Amino acid sequence: MSERAAPFYCPYCGEEHLEPREEHGAWYCADCVRSFQLKFLGVGAPRTNASQASKENDR
């Protein structure tokens, strides 16, 4: 597997001064002093409650 993908900016403040942390997938923002972790959830659009409700109403 290749190296982990690095985020381009902090999801909290939008700055680009990020440093990897020792925890798997964790990053530290030097500007807002926050730490965060990235997690890949999958590919494709998730099902929403509205689409599930319309399917149930069609039955």
PDB file of N, CA and C in Angstrom:
ATOM      1  N   MET A   1       0.846  -1.178   0.000  1.00  0.00           N
ATOM      2  CA  MET A   1       0.000   0.000   0.000  1.00  0.00           C
ATOM      3  C   MET A   1       0.890   1.240   0.000  1.00  0.00           C
ATOM      4  N   SER A   2       0.458   2.273  -0.672  1.00  0.00           N
ATOM      5  CA  SER A   2       1.246   3.500  -0.745  1.00  0.00           C
ATOM      6  C   SER A   2       1.067   4.336   0.520  1.00  0.00           C
ATOM      7  N   GLU A   3       1.794   5.431   0.586  1.00  0.00           N
ATOM      8  CA  GLU A   3       1.684   6.323   1.734  1.00  0.00           C
ATOM      9  C   GLU A   3       0.256   6.854   1.859  1.00  0.00           C
ATOM     10  N   ARG A   4      -0.107   7.252   3.071  1.00  0.00           N
ATOM     11  CA  ARG A   4      -1.456   7.770   3.289  1.00  0.00           C
ATOM     12  C   ARG A   4      -1.630   9.105   2.570  1.00  0.00           C
ATOM     13  N   ALA A   5      -2.834   9.379   2.175  1.00  0.00           N
ATOM     14  CA  ALA A   5      -3.134  10.641   1.508  1.00  0.00           C
ATOM     15  C   ALA A   5      -3.147  11.761   2.531  1.00  0.00           C
ATOM     16  N   ALA A   6      -2.567  12.876   2.179  1.00  0.00           N
ATOM     17  CA  ALA A   6      -2.499  14.018   3.081  1.00  0.00           C
ATOM     18  C   ALA A   6      -3.613  15.009   2.752  1.00  0.00           C
ATOM     19  N   PRO A   7      -4.274  15.542   3.774  1.00  0.00           N
ATOM     20  CA  PRO A   7      -5.287  16.576   3.518  1.00  0.00           C
ATOM     21  C   PRO A   7      -4.607  17.858   3.054  1.00  0.00           C
ATOM     22  N   PHE A   8      -5.287  18.634   2.236  1.00  0.00           N
ATOM     23  CA  PHE A   8      -4.728  19.884   1.724  1.00  0.00           C
ATOM     24  C   PHE A   8      -4.952  21.057   2.667  1.00  0.00           C
ATOM     25  N   TYR A   9      -5.991  20.949   3.502  1.00  0.00           N
ATOM     26  CA  TYR A   9      -6.305  22.056   4.420  1.00  0.00           C
ATOM     27  C   TYR A   9      -7.020  21.521   5.649  1.00  0.00           C
ATOM     28  N   CYS A  10      -7.029  22.317   6.699  1.00  0.00           N
ATOM     29  CA  CYS A  10      -7.700  21.965   7.943  1.00  0.00           C
ATOM     30  C   CYS A  10      -9.216  22.087   7.756  1.00  0.00           C
ATOM     31  N   PRO A  11      -9.995  21.085   8.166  1.00  0.00           N
ATOM     32  CA  PRO A  11     -11.451  21.177   8.018  1.00  0.00           C
ATOM     33  C   PRO A  11     -12.092  22.189   8.960  1.00  0.00           C
ATOM     34  N   TYR A  12     -11.369  22.674   9.953  1.00  0.00           N
ATOM     35  CA  TYR A  12     -11.915  23.630  10.920  1.00  0.00           C
ATOM     36  C   TYR A  12     -11.633  25.076  10.531  1.00  0.00           C
ATOM     37  N   CYS A  13     -10.366  25.379  10.175  1.00  0.00           N
ATOM     38  CA  CYS A  13     -10.019  26.781   9.906  1.00  0.00           C
ATOM     39  C   CYS A  13      -9.639  27.032   8.450  1.00  0.00           C
ATOM     40  N   GLY A  14      -9.385  25.988   7.679  1.00  0.00           N
ATOM     41  CA  GLY A  14      -9.067  26.149   6.271  1.00  0.00           C
ATOM     42  C   GLY A  14      -7.599  26.434   5.971  1.00  0.00           C
ATOM     43  N   GLU A  15      -6.767  26.512   6.977  1.00  0.00           N
ATOM     44  CA  GLU A  15      -5.342  26.780   6.753  1.00  0.00           C
ATOM     45  C   GLU A  15      -4.624  25.514   6.291  1.00  0.00           C
ATOM     46  N   GLU A  16      -3.398  25.682   5.806  1.00  0.00           N
ATOM     47  CA  GLU A  16      -2.661  24.577   5.209  1.00  0.00           C
ATOM     48  C   GLU A  16      -1.456  24.123   6.015  1.00  0.00           C
ATOM     49  N   HIS A  17      -1.279  24.612   7.227  1.00  0.00           N
ATOM     50  CA  HIS A  17      -0.129  24.243   8.052  1.00  0.00           C
ATOM     51  C   HIS A  17      -0.447  23.000   8.871  1.00  0.00           C
ATOM     52  N   LEU A  18      -0.397  21.830   8.239  1.00  0.00           N
ATOM     53  CA  LEU A  18      -0.766  20.576   8.876  1.00  0.00           C
ATOM     54  C   LEU A  18       0.458  19.696   9.079  1.00  0.00           C
ATOM     55  N   GLU A  19       0.436  18.960  10.178  1.00  0.00           N
ATOM     56  CA  GLU A  19       1.509  18.026  10.489  1.00  0.00           C
ATOM     57  C   GLU A  19       0.878  16.685  10.849  1.00  0.00           C
ATOM     58  N   PRO A  20       1.451  15.586  10.353  1.00  0.00           N
ATOM     59  CA  PRO A  20       0.898  14.275  10.748  1.00  0.00           C
ATOM     60  C   PRO A  20       1.188  13.984  12.213  1.00  0.00           C
ATOM     61  N   ARG A  21       0.262  13.296  12.869  1.00  0.00           N
ATOM     62  CA  ARG A  21       0.453  12.865  14.261  1.00  0.00           C
ATOM     63  C   ARG A  21       0.775  11.385  14.260  1.00  0.00           C
ATOM     64  N   GLU A  22       1.168  10.877  15.388  1.00  0.00           N
ATOM     65  CA  GLU A  22       1.560   9.472  15.480  1.00  0.00           C
ATOM     66  C   GLU A  22       0.379   8.521  15.322  1.00  0.00           C
ATOM     67  N   GLU A  23      -0.810   8.944  15.718  1.00  0.00           N
ATOM     68  CA  GLU A  23      -1.992   8.098  15.565  1.00  0.00           C
ATOM     69  C   GLU A  23      -2.277   7.903  14.079  1.00  0.00           C
ATOM     70  N   HIS A  24      -2.793   6.753  13.742  1.00  0.00           N
ATOM     71  CA  HIS A  24      -3.072   6.438  12.337  1.00  0.00           C
ATOM     72  C   HIS A  24      -4.124   7.389  11.760  1.00  0.00           C
ATOM     73  N   GLY A  25      -3.765   8.106  10.737  1.00  0.00           N
ATOM     74  CA  GLY A  25      -4.696   9.004  10.065  1.00  0.00           C
ATOM     75  C   GLY A  25      -4.958  10.310  10.777  1.00  0.00           C
ATOM     76  N   ALA A  26      -4.197  10.639  11.823  1.00  0.00           N
ATOM     77  CA  ALA A  26      -4.434  11.868  12.587  1.00  0.00           C
ATOM     78  C   ALA A  26      -3.524  12.987  12.088  1.00  0.00           C
ATOM     79  N   TRP A  27      -4.039  14.203  12.138  1.00  0.00           N
ATOM     80  CA  TRP A  27      -3.316  15.394  11.697  1.00  0.00           C
ATOM     81  C   TRP A  27      -3.467  16.501  12.727  1.00  0.00           C
ATOM     82  N   TYR A  28      -2.479  17.370  12.797  1.00  0.00           N
ATOM     83  CA  TYR A  28      -2.477  18.506  13.724  1.00  0.00           C
ATOM     84  C   TYR A  28      -2.373  19.796  12.911  1.00  0.00           C
ATOM     85  N   CYS A  29      -3.236  20.757  13.210  1.00  0.00           N
ATOM     86  CA  CYS A  29      -3.200  22.065  12.549  1.00  0.00           C
ATOM     87  C   CYS A  29      -2.492  23.052  13.470  1.00  0.00           C
ATOM     88  N   ALA A  30      -1.388  23.615  13.012  1.00  0.00           N
ATOM     89  CA  ALA A  30      -0.614  24.556  13.817  1.00  0.00           C
ATOM     90  C   ALA A  30      -1.316  25.906  13.954  1.00  0.00           C
ATOM     91  N   ASP A  31      -2.250  26.223  13.070  1.00  0.00           N
ATOM     92  CA  ASP A  31      -2.933  27.520  13.117  1.00  0.00           C
ATOM     93  C   ASP A  31      -4.056  27.565  14.154  1.00  0.00           C
ATOM     94  N   CYS A  32      -4.920  26.568  14.156  1.00  0.00           N
ATOM     95  CA  CYS A  32      -6.040  26.585  15.107  1.00  0.00           C
ATOM     96  C   CYS A  32      -5.804  25.637  16.287  1.00  0.00           C
ATOM     97  N   VAL A  33      -4.665  24.970  16.312  1.00  0.00           N
ATOM     98  CA  VAL A  33      -4.238  24.086  17.400  1.00  0.00           C
ATOM     99  C   VAL A  33      -5.253  22.955  17.623  1.00  0.00           C
ATOM    100  N   ARG A  34      -5.805  22.426  16.549  1.00  0.00           N
ATOM    101  CA  ARG A  34      -6.747  21.312  16.636  1.00  0.00           C
ATOM    102  C   ARG A  34      -6.136  20.072  15.988  1.00  0.00           C
ATOM    103  N   SER A  35      -6.545  18.948  16.467  1.00  0.00           N
ATOM    104  CA  SER A  35      -6.163  17.676  15.866  1.00  0.00           C
ATOM    105  C   SER A  35      -7.418  17.029  15.302  1.00  0.00           C
ATOM    106  N   PHE A  36      -7.260  16.321  14.203  1.00  0.00           N
ATOM    107  CA  PHE A  36      -8.392  15.645  13.588  1.00  0.00           C
ATOM    108  C   PHE A  36      -7.908  14.375  12.918  1.00  0.00           C
ATOM    109  N   GLN A  37      -8.857  13.521  12.606  1.00  0.00           N
ATOM    110  CA  GLN A  37      -8.546  12.247  11.981  1.00  0.00           C
ATOM    111  C   GLN A  37      -9.398  12.086  10.736  1.00  0.00           C
ATOM    112  N   LEU A  38      -8.817  11.529   9.690  1.00  0.00           N
ATOM    113  CA  LEU A  38      -9.532  11.293   8.446  1.00  0.00           C
ATOM    114  C   LEU A  38      -9.971   9.843   8.376  1.00  0.00           C
ATOM    115  N   LYS A  39     -11.158   9.628   7.813  1.00  0.00           N
ATOM    116  CA  LYS A  39     -11.667   8.274   7.677  1.00  0.00           C
ATOM    117  C   LYS A  39     -12.402   8.158   6.353  1.00  0.00           C
ATOM    118  N   PHE A  40     -12.023   7.189   5.552  1.00  0.00           N
ATOM    119  CA  PHE A  40     -12.685   6.935   4.278  1.00  0.00           C
ATOM    120  C   PHE A  40     -13.954   6.146   4.546  1.00  0.00           C
ATOM    121  N   LEU A  41     -15.082   6.632   4.073  1.00  0.00           N
ATOM    122  CA  LEU A  41     -16.367   5.994   4.357  1.00  0.00           C
ATOM    123  C   LEU A  41     -16.881   5.129   3.217  1.00  0.00           C
ATOM    124  N   GLY A  42     -16.424   5.353   1.993  1.00  0.00           N
ATOM    125  CA  GLY A  42     -16.872   4.527   0.883  1.00  0.00           C
ATOM    126  C   GLY A  42     -17.067   5.329  -0.381  1.00  0.00           C
ATOM    127  N   VAL A  43     -17.547   4.650  -1.385  1.00  0.00           N
ATOM    128  CA  VAL A  43     -17.757   5.260  -2.694  1.00  0.00           C
ATOM    129  C   VAL A  43     -19.247   5.231  -3.004  1.00  0.00           C
ATOM    130  N   GLY A  44     -19.757   6.308  -3.582  1.00  0.00           N
ATOM    131  CA  GLY A  44     -21.158   6.351  -3.963  1.00  0.00           C
ATOM    132  C   GLY A  44     -21.981   7.218  -3.034  1.00  0.00           C
ATOM    133  N   ALA A  45     -23.149   7.540  -3.463  1.00  0.00           N
ATOM    134  CA  ALA A  45     -24.041   8.390  -2.683  1.00  0.00           C
ATOM    135  C   ALA A  45     -24.736   7.557  -1.618  1.00  0.00           C
ATOM    136  N   PRO A  46     -24.760   8.039  -0.387  1.00  0.00           N
ATOM    137  CA  PRO A  46     -25.449   7.295   0.674  1.00  0.00           C
ATOM    138  C   PRO A  46     -26.959   7.383   0.500  1.00  0.00           C
ATOM    139  N   ARG A  47     -27.652   6.369   0.999  1.00  0.00           N
ATOM    140  CA  ARG A  47     -29.114   6.416   0.982  1.00  0.00           C
ATOM    141  C   ARG A  47     -29.563   7.389   2.051  1.00  0.00           C
ATOM    142  N   THR A  48     -30.559   8.184   1.741  1.00  0.00           N
ATOM    143  CA  THR A  48     -31.082   9.142   2.710  1.00  0.00           C
ATOM    144  C   THR A  48     -32.426   8.654   3.234  1.00  0.00           C
ATOM    145  N   ASN A  49     -32.873   9.249   4.303  1.00  0.00           N
ATOM    146  CA  ASN A  49     -34.171   8.884   4.878  1.00  0.00           C
ATOM    147  C   ASN A  49     -35.310   9.196   3.914  1.00  0.00           C
ATOM    148  N   ALA A  50     -35.168  10.266   3.120  1.00  0.00           N
ATOM    149  CA  ALA A  50     -36.222  10.637   2.169  1.00  0.00           C
ATOM    150  C   ALA A  50     -36.378   9.564   1.094  1.00  0.00           C
ATOM    151  N   SER A  51     -35.263   9.045   0.576  1.00  0.00           N
ATOM    152  CA  SER A  51     -35.360   8.019  -0.458  1.00  0.00           C
ATOM    153  C   SER A  51     -35.893   6.714   0.120  1.00  0.00           C
ATOM    154  N   GLN A  52     -35.564   6.406   1.364  1.00  0.00           N
ATOM    155  CA  GLN A  52     -36.084   5.208   2.001  1.00  0.00           C
ATOM    156  C   GLN A  52     -37.583   5.346   2.253  1.00  0.00           C
ATOM    157  N   ALA A  53     -38.019   6.536   2.664  1.00  0.00           N
ATOM    158  CA  ALA A  53     -39.440   6.763   2.936  1.00  0.00           C
ATOM    159  C   ALA A  53     -40.263   6.643   1.660  1.00  0.00           C
ATOM    160  N   SER A  54     -39.755   7.161   0.538  1.00  0.00           N
ATOM    161  CA  SER A  54     -40.498   7.076  -0.722  1.00  0.00           C
ATOM    162  C   SER A  54     -40.605   5.631  -1.184  1.00  0.00           C
ATOM    163  N   LYS A  55     -39.567   4.829  -0.940  1.00  0.00           N
ATOM    164  CA  LYS A  55     -39.628   3.421  -1.319  1.00  0.00           C
ATOM    165  C   LYS A  55     -40.673   2.685  -0.478  1.00  0.00           C
ATOM    166  N   GLU A  56     -40.748   3.023   0.808  1.00  0.00           N
ATOM    167  CA  GLU A  56     -41.729   2.374   1.676  1.00  0.00           C
ATOM    168  C   GLU A  56     -43.146   2.775   1.307  1.00  0.00           C
ATOM    169  N   ASN A  57     -43.329   4.037   0.861  1.00  0.00           N
ATOM    170  CA  ASN A  57     -44.661   4.490   0.476  1.00  0.00           C
ATOM    171  C   ASN A  57     -45.133   3.833  -0.819  1.00  0.00           C
ATOM    172  N   ASP A  58     -44.194   3.413  -1.671  1.00  0.00           N
ATOM    173  CA  ASP A  58     -44.544   2.771  -2.933  1.00  0.00           C
ATOM    174  C   ASP A  58     -45.056   1.351  -2.732  1.00  0.00           C
ATOM    175  N   ARG A  59     -44.836   0.756  -1.585  1.00  0.00           N
ATOM    176  CA  ARG A  59     -45.231  -0.634  -1.340  1.00  0.00           C
ATOM    177  C   ARG A  59     -46.685  -0.778  -1.094  1.00  0.00           C
TER     178      ARG A  59
END
